[in-house]
Each structure stands twice: as structure tokens, then as C-alpha cells.
Amino acid sequence: MNDKIMVSRALKGPVRRLAAEHVMDCYVVWDFAENKDGAQQFLIDYMDTFHDGFVAGQFYNFPCFPSTVPNLKAEISNDPRAVPANKYAVLGDVLDWATNVGYPGYATAGIDEAFKAFLIPTMFAKVARGDETPENAASAAEAEYKRIFDRWKGK
């Protein structure tokens, strides 16, 4: 089955290709962290050795700093586990068209909660199954988004 499933670039809209990926890394050191210096040093060390993690993770997490995987295109174009080996070559320019969830804004706690709640896919699924009208499904999703963002307002 692996050889029948392929990957494509994000579809191009009227302006450009753009897709919000769900595995983009976002790191912070909380103000209340007990060991801020240690946490910051961990992140520095992690970025310094990101390439090793990229390879060990079988290319799952793409770099947030392109210089940490300078040969990205070549590496993903020759994956010995993939069928065919160049299956992921199409992602060679992914850093040019992938963005954070929440774009054009920031990845926030509210965005994270809303994304993990699958509100948009659920809205479309309800309409596609005939369980809801488009208007009712959109209203329900909007109400849930408002509830989530009201909860995070000011935090």
C-alpha cells in the first residue's frame, strides 16, 4: 500500500501556494519555568543538533531554521524507507509554502485549542454527510471558535 500513496505540494490558490502544517515546531520558555537557563540551553543545543533529530525522526519534523538541515532537498529525495525512494522530493521547497497554524497571525494557545478541536473538518463533515445545513454547521463552528477564543482572551 505504501507505494500507492503519494504526496503533493499544497494546492495553489489565486495568490500563491500556502498550507498550514500541523507539525511546525514552536518553542518557548515559560516565565514560570524553574530552570530558565537550562531550558534555553536545551533549545540552543537542540537547534545545534537538529539535523540528527531530523534524520532519526525519519524527516517528520521539518526545520524551523533551514540552515540546520542544509541539504534538505537532497536528503528527502533519497529516502531508503520510501517507495519510491524519491517520494518526498516534492516537499523539497516546503519551507517556502508551509506556515504556522494561525497564519497570518501567531500560533497562540487559542489557535492551538481550536485546531486540535477539528472544528473546520467537523463542520465540513456534518454538511457532507447531510447531518447539517451549511449555515447551521458554520454557525456551530463559529460559536465554538468564539467560546474558545473568549476563554483565552487576556491570558
N, C-alpha and C. Protein backbone atom coordinates (compact mmCIF):
# COMPACT_ATOMS: atom_id res chain seq x y z
N MET A 1 0.81 -1.19 0.00
CA MET A 1 0.00 0.00 0.00
C MET A 1 0.86 1.26 0.00
N ASN A 2 2.01 1.23 0.70
CA ASN A 2 2.90 2.37 0.78
C ASN A 2 3.26 2.92 -0.59
N ASP A 3 3.41 2.04 -1.58
CA ASP A 3 3.80 2.50 -2.91
C ASP A 3 2.63 3.11 -3.68
N LYS A 4 1.41 3.01 -3.16
CA LYS A 4 0.24 3.57 -3.82
C LYS A 4 -0.14 4.95 -3.27
N ILE A 5 0.42 5.31 -2.13
CA ILE A 5 0.11 6.60 -1.50
C ILE A 5 1.24 7.57 -1.83
N MET A 6 0.87 8.70 -2.42
CA MET A 6 1.87 9.69 -2.79
C MET A 6 1.60 11.01 -2.07
N VAL A 7 2.49 11.95 -2.21
CA VAL A 7 2.43 13.24 -1.54
C VAL A 7 2.43 14.32 -2.61
N SER A 8 1.76 15.43 -2.32
CA SER A 8 1.79 16.55 -3.27
C SER A 8 2.07 17.84 -2.53
N ARG A 9 2.47 18.83 -3.28
CA ARG A 9 2.64 20.16 -2.72
C ARG A 9 1.26 20.70 -2.37
N ALA A 10 1.23 21.75 -1.57
CA ALA A 10 -0.03 22.42 -1.28
C ALA A 10 -0.60 22.94 -2.59
N LEU A 11 -1.90 22.93 -2.70
CA LEU A 11 -2.54 23.44 -3.91
C LEU A 11 -2.32 24.94 -4.01
N LYS A 12 -2.23 25.43 -5.23
CA LYS A 12 -2.00 26.85 -5.44
C LYS A 12 -3.34 27.57 -5.52
N GLY A 13 -3.48 28.60 -4.71
CA GLY A 13 -4.67 29.44 -4.74
C GLY A 13 -4.48 30.59 -5.70
N PRO A 14 -5.36 31.58 -5.63
CA PRO A 14 -5.27 32.70 -6.56
C PRO A 14 -4.00 33.52 -6.40
N VAL A 15 -3.38 33.48 -5.23
CA VAL A 15 -2.19 34.29 -4.98
C VAL A 15 -0.91 33.45 -4.95
N ARG A 16 -0.95 32.33 -4.24
CA ARG A 16 0.26 31.50 -4.07
C ARG A 16 -0.11 30.17 -3.42
N ARG A 17 0.87 29.31 -3.32
CA ARG A 17 0.73 28.08 -2.54
C ARG A 17 0.93 28.42 -1.08
N LEU A 18 0.06 27.91 -0.22
CA LEU A 18 0.23 28.15 1.20
C LEU A 18 -0.55 27.08 1.95
N ALA A 19 0.11 26.47 2.89
CA ALA A 19 -0.56 25.45 3.71
C ALA A 19 -0.08 25.58 5.14
N ALA A 20 -0.99 25.45 6.07
CA ALA A 20 -0.64 25.45 7.48
C ALA A 20 -0.37 24.01 7.87
N GLU A 21 0.83 23.77 8.28
CA GLU A 21 1.17 22.41 8.67
C GLU A 21 0.95 22.23 10.16
N HIS A 22 0.67 21.03 10.55
CA HIS A 22 0.35 20.77 11.95
C HIS A 22 1.57 20.36 12.76
N VAL A 23 2.71 20.21 12.15
CA VAL A 23 3.88 19.75 12.90
C VAL A 23 4.98 20.80 12.95
N MET A 24 4.65 22.05 12.66
CA MET A 24 5.66 23.09 12.75
C MET A 24 5.99 23.30 14.22
N ASP A 25 7.26 23.33 14.50
CA ASP A 25 7.69 23.46 15.89
C ASP A 25 7.67 24.91 16.34
N CYS A 26 7.25 25.10 17.58
CA CYS A 26 7.21 26.42 18.20
C CYS A 26 7.67 26.21 19.64
N TYR A 27 8.78 26.80 20.00
CA TYR A 27 9.35 26.58 21.32
C TYR A 27 9.31 27.85 22.15
N VAL A 28 9.00 27.70 23.41
CA VAL A 28 9.00 28.82 24.34
C VAL A 28 9.60 28.37 25.67
N VAL A 29 10.08 29.32 26.41
CA VAL A 29 10.48 29.07 27.79
C VAL A 29 9.54 29.92 28.63
N TRP A 30 8.72 29.26 29.41
CA TRP A 30 7.71 29.94 30.21
C TRP A 30 8.35 30.83 31.28
N ASP A 31 7.68 31.93 31.60
CA ASP A 31 8.14 32.82 32.67
C ASP A 31 8.24 32.08 34.00
N PHE A 32 7.39 31.12 34.22
CA PHE A 32 7.37 30.41 35.50
C PHE A 32 8.27 29.17 35.50
N ALA A 33 9.07 28.98 34.45
CA ALA A 33 9.97 27.83 34.40
C ALA A 33 10.93 27.87 35.58
N GLU A 34 11.17 26.71 36.19
CA GLU A 34 12.06 26.64 37.34
C GLU A 34 13.53 26.76 36.94
N ASN A 35 13.84 26.38 35.70
CA ASN A 35 15.23 26.41 35.25
C ASN A 35 15.29 27.04 33.86
N LYS A 36 15.08 28.35 33.82
CA LYS A 36 15.06 29.06 32.53
C LYS A 36 16.37 28.91 31.77
N ASP A 37 17.48 29.05 32.48
CA ASP A 37 18.78 28.93 31.81
C ASP A 37 18.96 27.55 31.20
N GLY A 38 18.57 26.51 31.94
CA GLY A 38 18.68 25.15 31.42
C GLY A 38 17.76 24.92 30.23
N ALA A 39 16.56 25.48 30.29
CA ALA A 39 15.61 25.34 29.18
C ALA A 39 16.13 26.04 27.94
N GLN A 40 16.68 27.23 28.13
CA GLN A 40 17.23 27.96 26.99
C GLN A 40 18.43 27.22 26.39
N GLN A 41 19.27 26.67 27.25
CA GLN A 41 20.42 25.92 26.75
C GLN A 41 19.98 24.66 26.02
N PHE A 42 18.93 24.01 26.51
CA PHE A 42 18.40 22.84 25.81
C PHE A 42 17.97 23.20 24.39
N LEU A 43 17.25 24.32 24.25
CA LEU A 43 16.80 24.73 22.92
C LEU A 43 17.97 25.08 22.01
N ILE A 44 18.98 25.72 22.54
CA ILE A 44 20.18 26.03 21.76
C ILE A 44 20.85 24.74 21.30
N ASP A 45 21.03 23.80 22.22
CA ASP A 45 21.67 22.53 21.89
C ASP A 45 20.82 21.73 20.90
N TYR A 46 19.51 21.78 21.08
CA TYR A 46 18.62 21.06 20.16
C TYR A 46 18.75 21.61 18.74
N MET A 47 18.77 22.93 18.62
CA MET A 47 18.90 23.53 17.28
C MET A 47 20.28 23.22 16.69
N ASP A 48 21.31 23.21 17.54
CA ASP A 48 22.65 22.90 17.05
C ASP A 48 22.75 21.47 16.51
N THR A 49 21.92 20.57 17.02
CA THR A 49 21.96 19.17 16.57
C THR A 49 20.66 18.76 15.89
N PHE A 50 19.91 19.73 15.38
CA PHE A 50 18.60 19.43 14.80
C PHE A 50 18.69 18.41 13.68
N HIS A 51 19.73 18.48 12.89
CA HIS A 51 19.86 17.56 11.76
C HIS A 51 19.80 16.11 12.22
N ASP A 52 20.46 15.80 13.33
CA ASP A 52 20.44 14.43 13.85
C ASP A 52 19.02 13.99 14.19
N GLY A 53 18.26 14.87 14.81
CA GLY A 53 16.87 14.56 15.14
C GLY A 53 16.00 14.44 13.90
N PHE A 54 16.28 15.25 12.91
CA PHE A 54 15.55 15.21 11.64
C PHE A 54 15.72 13.84 10.99
N VAL A 55 16.93 13.35 10.97
CA VAL A 55 17.20 12.03 10.37
C VAL A 55 16.61 10.93 11.24
N ALA A 56 16.83 10.99 12.55
CA ALA A 56 16.31 9.95 13.45
C ALA A 56 14.79 9.90 13.44
N GLY A 57 14.15 11.06 13.24
CA GLY A 57 12.69 11.13 13.18
C GLY A 57 12.14 10.82 11.80
N GLN A 58 12.99 10.33 10.92
CA GLN A 58 12.60 9.94 9.56
C GLN A 58 11.93 11.09 8.82
N PHE A 59 12.51 12.30 8.98
CA PHE A 59 12.10 13.50 8.25
C PHE A 59 10.72 14.00 8.66
N TYR A 60 10.21 13.60 9.82
CA TYR A 60 8.86 14.01 10.22
C TYR A 60 8.79 15.50 10.54
N ASN A 61 9.70 15.99 11.36
CA ASN A 61 9.70 17.40 11.76
C ASN A 61 10.67 18.19 10.89
N PHE A 62 10.12 19.05 10.06
CA PHE A 62 10.96 19.87 9.20
C PHE A 62 11.55 21.01 10.02
N PRO A 63 12.70 21.52 9.61
CA PRO A 63 13.39 22.52 10.42
C PRO A 63 12.69 23.88 10.42
N CYS A 64 12.73 24.56 11.57
CA CYS A 64 12.24 25.92 11.60
C CYS A 64 13.34 26.88 11.18
N PHE A 65 14.57 26.41 11.21
CA PHE A 65 15.71 27.18 10.72
C PHE A 65 16.35 26.36 9.60
N PRO A 66 16.15 26.77 8.34
CA PRO A 66 16.65 25.98 7.20
C PRO A 66 18.13 25.63 7.28
N SER A 67 18.92 26.46 7.90
CA SER A 67 20.36 26.18 7.96
C SER A 67 20.68 24.95 8.80
N THR A 68 19.74 24.47 9.61
CA THR A 68 20.00 23.29 10.43
C THR A 68 19.93 21.99 9.62
N VAL A 69 19.31 22.06 8.45
CA VAL A 69 19.29 20.91 7.52
C VAL A 69 19.62 21.48 6.13
N PRO A 70 20.89 21.80 5.91
CA PRO A 70 21.26 22.50 4.68
C PRO A 70 21.02 21.69 3.40
N ASN A 71 21.02 20.38 3.48
CA ASN A 71 20.82 19.55 2.29
C ASN A 71 19.43 18.91 2.29
N LEU A 72 18.45 19.65 2.76
CA LEU A 72 17.09 19.12 2.89
C LEU A 72 16.59 18.46 1.61
N LYS A 73 16.67 19.16 0.50
CA LYS A 73 16.16 18.62 -0.76
C LYS A 73 16.81 17.30 -1.12
N ALA A 74 18.11 17.25 -1.01
CA ALA A 74 18.83 16.01 -1.37
C ALA A 74 18.46 14.87 -0.42
N GLU A 75 18.35 15.16 0.86
CA GLU A 75 18.05 14.10 1.83
C GLU A 75 16.66 13.52 1.65
N ILE A 76 15.66 14.37 1.48
CA ILE A 76 14.31 13.82 1.35
C ILE A 76 14.05 13.25 -0.04
N SER A 77 14.92 13.54 -0.98
CA SER A 77 14.77 12.99 -2.34
C SER A 77 15.33 11.59 -2.46
N ASN A 78 15.97 11.11 -1.40
CA ASN A 78 16.55 9.77 -1.45
C ASN A 78 16.34 9.08 -0.11
N ASP A 79 15.08 8.78 0.19
CA ASP A 79 14.71 8.15 1.46
C ASP A 79 14.63 6.64 1.25
N PRO A 80 15.54 5.89 1.83
CA PRO A 80 15.54 4.44 1.60
C PRO A 80 14.29 3.72 2.14
N ARG A 81 13.54 4.37 3.02
CA ARG A 81 12.32 3.75 3.56
C ARG A 81 11.11 4.02 2.68
N ALA A 82 11.20 5.01 1.81
CA ALA A 82 10.06 5.41 0.99
C ALA A 82 9.98 4.56 -0.28
N VAL A 83 8.77 4.39 -0.78
CA VAL A 83 8.54 3.68 -2.04
C VAL A 83 7.72 4.60 -2.93
N PRO A 84 8.31 5.12 -3.98
CA PRO A 84 9.72 5.03 -4.39
C PRO A 84 10.60 5.91 -3.50
N ALA A 85 11.89 5.75 -3.61
CA ALA A 85 12.84 6.46 -2.73
C ALA A 85 12.74 7.98 -2.86
N ASN A 86 12.26 8.48 -3.99
CA ASN A 86 12.15 9.93 -4.16
C ASN A 86 10.73 10.46 -3.89
N LYS A 87 9.94 9.66 -3.20
CA LYS A 87 8.54 10.01 -2.92
C LYS A 87 8.39 11.41 -2.31
N TYR A 88 9.30 11.79 -1.43
CA TYR A 88 9.18 13.05 -0.71
C TYR A 88 9.92 14.21 -1.37
N ALA A 89 10.49 13.99 -2.54
CA ALA A 89 11.20 15.06 -3.25
C ALA A 89 10.29 16.25 -3.50
N VAL A 90 9.01 16.00 -3.66
CA VAL A 90 8.04 17.07 -3.90
C VAL A 90 7.99 18.07 -2.75
N LEU A 91 8.47 17.67 -1.59
CA LEU A 91 8.48 18.56 -0.43
C LEU A 91 9.78 19.36 -0.31
N GLY A 92 10.59 19.31 -1.33
CA GLY A 92 11.88 19.99 -1.30
C GLY A 92 11.80 21.48 -1.07
N ASP A 93 10.70 22.10 -1.46
CA ASP A 93 10.54 23.54 -1.25
C ASP A 93 9.45 23.85 -0.22
N VAL A 94 9.15 22.88 0.63
CA VAL A 94 8.06 23.03 1.60
C VAL A 94 8.24 24.24 2.51
N LEU A 95 9.48 24.59 2.82
CA LEU A 95 9.69 25.73 3.71
C LEU A 95 9.30 27.06 3.06
N ASP A 96 9.10 27.03 1.74
CA ASP A 96 8.66 28.24 1.03
C ASP A 96 7.14 28.42 1.07
N TRP A 97 6.38 27.34 1.28
CA TRP A 97 4.93 27.46 1.23
C TRP A 97 4.20 26.91 2.46
N ALA A 98 4.93 26.46 3.45
CA ALA A 98 4.29 26.00 4.69
C ALA A 98 4.37 27.11 5.72
N THR A 99 3.35 27.22 6.52
CA THR A 99 3.33 28.25 7.55
C THR A 99 2.71 27.69 8.83
N ASN A 100 2.74 28.48 9.86
CA ASN A 100 2.19 28.04 11.15
C ASN A 100 0.66 28.02 11.13
N VAL A 101 0.10 27.16 11.94
CA VAL A 101 -1.34 27.17 12.16
C VAL A 101 -1.64 28.50 12.85
N GLY A 102 -2.60 29.23 12.33
CA GLY A 102 -2.92 30.55 12.85
C GLY A 102 -2.52 31.66 11.89
N TYR A 103 -1.78 31.33 10.85
CA TYR A 103 -1.36 32.33 9.86
C TYR A 103 -2.59 33.02 9.30
N PRO A 104 -2.57 34.31 9.13
CA PRO A 104 -1.44 35.22 9.16
C PRO A 104 -1.11 35.75 10.54
N GLY A 105 -1.78 35.24 11.55
CA GLY A 105 -1.45 35.63 12.92
C GLY A 105 -0.42 34.69 13.51
N TYR A 106 -0.40 34.66 14.82
CA TYR A 106 0.57 33.85 15.54
C TYR A 106 -0.05 32.53 15.98
N ALA A 107 0.79 31.58 16.27
CA ALA A 107 0.33 30.33 16.88
C ALA A 107 0.16 30.62 18.37
N THR A 108 -1.08 30.68 18.82
CA THR A 108 -1.38 31.01 20.21
C THR A 108 -2.05 29.81 20.87
N ALA A 109 -2.26 29.91 22.16
CA ALA A 109 -2.95 28.84 22.88
C ALA A 109 -4.37 28.66 22.34
N GLY A 110 -5.04 29.76 22.03
CA GLY A 110 -6.39 29.68 21.47
C GLY A 110 -6.39 29.00 20.10
N ILE A 111 -5.44 29.38 19.26
CA ILE A 111 -5.32 28.75 17.93
C ILE A 111 -5.06 27.26 18.11
N ASP A 112 -4.17 26.91 19.03
CA ASP A 112 -3.84 25.50 19.27
C ASP A 112 -5.07 24.71 19.69
N GLU A 113 -5.84 25.25 20.63
CA GLU A 113 -7.04 24.55 21.09
C GLU A 113 -8.06 24.40 19.97
N ALA A 114 -8.26 25.47 19.21
CA ALA A 114 -9.24 25.43 18.12
C ALA A 114 -8.81 24.43 17.05
N PHE A 115 -7.52 24.42 16.72
CA PHE A 115 -7.02 23.48 15.72
C PHE A 115 -7.21 22.03 16.18
N LYS A 116 -6.87 21.76 17.42
CA LYS A 116 -6.98 20.40 17.96
C LYS A 116 -8.43 19.94 18.11
N ALA A 117 -9.37 20.88 18.09
CA ALA A 117 -10.79 20.53 18.20
C ALA A 117 -11.38 20.11 16.85
N PHE A 118 -10.62 20.24 15.77
CA PHE A 118 -11.05 19.84 14.43
C PHE A 118 -12.38 20.49 14.02
N LEU A 119 -12.53 21.77 14.34
CA LEU A 119 -13.80 22.45 14.07
C LEU A 119 -14.11 22.56 12.58
N ILE A 120 -13.14 22.92 11.78
CA ILE A 120 -13.38 23.08 10.34
C ILE A 120 -13.67 21.72 9.69
N PRO A 121 -12.84 20.69 9.92
CA PRO A 121 -13.17 19.39 9.33
C PRO A 121 -14.53 18.86 9.79
N THR A 122 -14.86 19.08 11.06
CA THR A 122 -16.15 18.63 11.58
C THR A 122 -17.29 19.37 10.90
N MET A 123 -17.12 20.66 10.70
CA MET A 123 -18.15 21.47 10.03
C MET A 123 -18.40 20.91 8.62
N PHE A 124 -17.34 20.68 7.86
CA PHE A 124 -17.49 20.16 6.51
C PHE A 124 -18.08 18.75 6.52
N ALA A 125 -17.66 17.92 7.45
CA ALA A 125 -18.16 16.55 7.52
C ALA A 125 -19.66 16.51 7.79
N LYS A 126 -20.12 17.36 8.70
CA LYS A 126 -21.56 17.39 9.01
C LYS A 126 -22.38 17.75 7.78
N VAL A 127 -21.88 18.67 6.99
CA VAL A 127 -22.60 19.07 5.77
C VAL A 127 -22.51 17.96 4.73
N ALA A 128 -21.32 17.38 4.55
CA ALA A 128 -21.12 16.34 3.54
C ALA A 128 -21.98 15.10 3.84
N ARG A 129 -22.16 14.78 5.12
CA ARG A 129 -22.98 13.62 5.49
C ARG A 129 -24.47 13.94 5.45
N GLY A 130 -24.80 15.21 5.31
CA GLY A 130 -26.20 15.61 5.30
C GLY A 130 -26.77 15.78 6.70
N ASP A 131 -25.91 15.81 7.72
CA ASP A 131 -26.38 15.96 9.10
C ASP A 131 -26.77 17.40 9.43
N GLU A 132 -26.20 18.36 8.70
CA GLU A 132 -26.45 19.77 8.97
C GLU A 132 -26.49 20.54 7.65
N THR A 133 -27.16 21.66 7.68
CA THR A 133 -27.11 22.57 6.54
C THR A 133 -25.78 23.32 6.63
N PRO A 134 -25.29 23.85 5.52
CA PRO A 134 -24.05 24.64 5.60
C PRO A 134 -24.16 25.80 6.59
N GLU A 135 -25.31 26.46 6.62
CA GLU A 135 -25.49 27.60 7.53
C GLU A 135 -25.43 27.17 9.00
N ASN A 136 -26.11 26.06 9.34
CA ASN A 136 -26.10 25.60 10.73
C ASN A 136 -24.71 25.11 11.16
N ALA A 137 -24.05 24.40 10.26
CA ALA A 137 -22.71 23.91 10.57
C ALA A 137 -21.74 25.07 10.77
N ALA A 138 -21.83 26.09 9.92
CA ALA A 138 -20.96 27.26 10.05
C ALA A 138 -21.26 28.01 11.34
N SER A 139 -22.52 28.15 11.69
CA SER A 139 -22.90 28.84 12.93
C SER A 139 -22.38 28.09 14.15
N ALA A 140 -22.49 26.77 14.13
CA ALA A 140 -22.00 25.97 15.26
C ALA A 140 -20.49 26.10 15.41
N ALA A 141 -19.77 26.06 14.29
CA ALA A 141 -18.32 26.21 14.33
C ALA A 141 -17.94 27.59 14.83
N GLU A 142 -18.63 28.61 14.34
CA GLU A 142 -18.34 29.98 14.78
C GLU A 142 -18.57 30.13 16.28
N ALA A 143 -19.65 29.55 16.78
CA ALA A 143 -19.94 29.64 18.22
C ALA A 143 -18.84 28.97 19.04
N GLU A 144 -18.36 27.84 18.56
CA GLU A 144 -17.31 27.12 19.28
C GLU A 144 -16.00 27.90 19.23
N TYR A 145 -15.68 28.48 18.07
CA TYR A 145 -14.48 29.32 17.98
C TYR A 145 -14.57 30.49 18.96
N LYS A 146 -15.72 31.14 19.01
CA LYS A 146 -15.89 32.27 19.92
C LYS A 146 -15.72 31.83 21.37
N ARG A 147 -16.29 30.67 21.73
CA ARG A 147 -16.15 30.16 23.09
C ARG A 147 -14.68 29.94 23.43
N ILE A 148 -13.95 29.31 22.50
CA ILE A 148 -12.53 29.02 22.74
C ILE A 148 -11.74 30.32 22.89
N PHE A 149 -11.92 31.26 21.96
CA PHE A 149 -11.12 32.48 22.00
C PHE A 149 -11.52 33.40 23.15
N ASP A 150 -12.79 33.39 23.55
CA ASP A 150 -13.19 34.17 24.72
C ASP A 150 -12.51 33.66 25.97
N ARG A 151 -12.34 32.34 26.04
CA ARG A 151 -11.68 31.73 27.21
C ARG A 151 -10.22 32.15 27.31
N TRP A 152 -9.55 32.32 26.16
CA TRP A 152 -8.13 32.66 26.15
C TRP A 152 -7.87 34.15 26.11
N LYS A 153 -8.90 34.96 25.94
CA LYS A 153 -8.72 36.42 25.84
C LYS A 153 -8.05 36.96 27.10
N GLY A 154 -6.99 37.68 26.90
CA GLY A 154 -6.31 38.31 28.04
C GLY A 154 -5.37 37.43 28.81
N LYS A 155 -5.20 36.19 28.39
CA LYS A 155 -4.27 35.30 29.11
C LYS A 155 -2.92 35.32 28.48
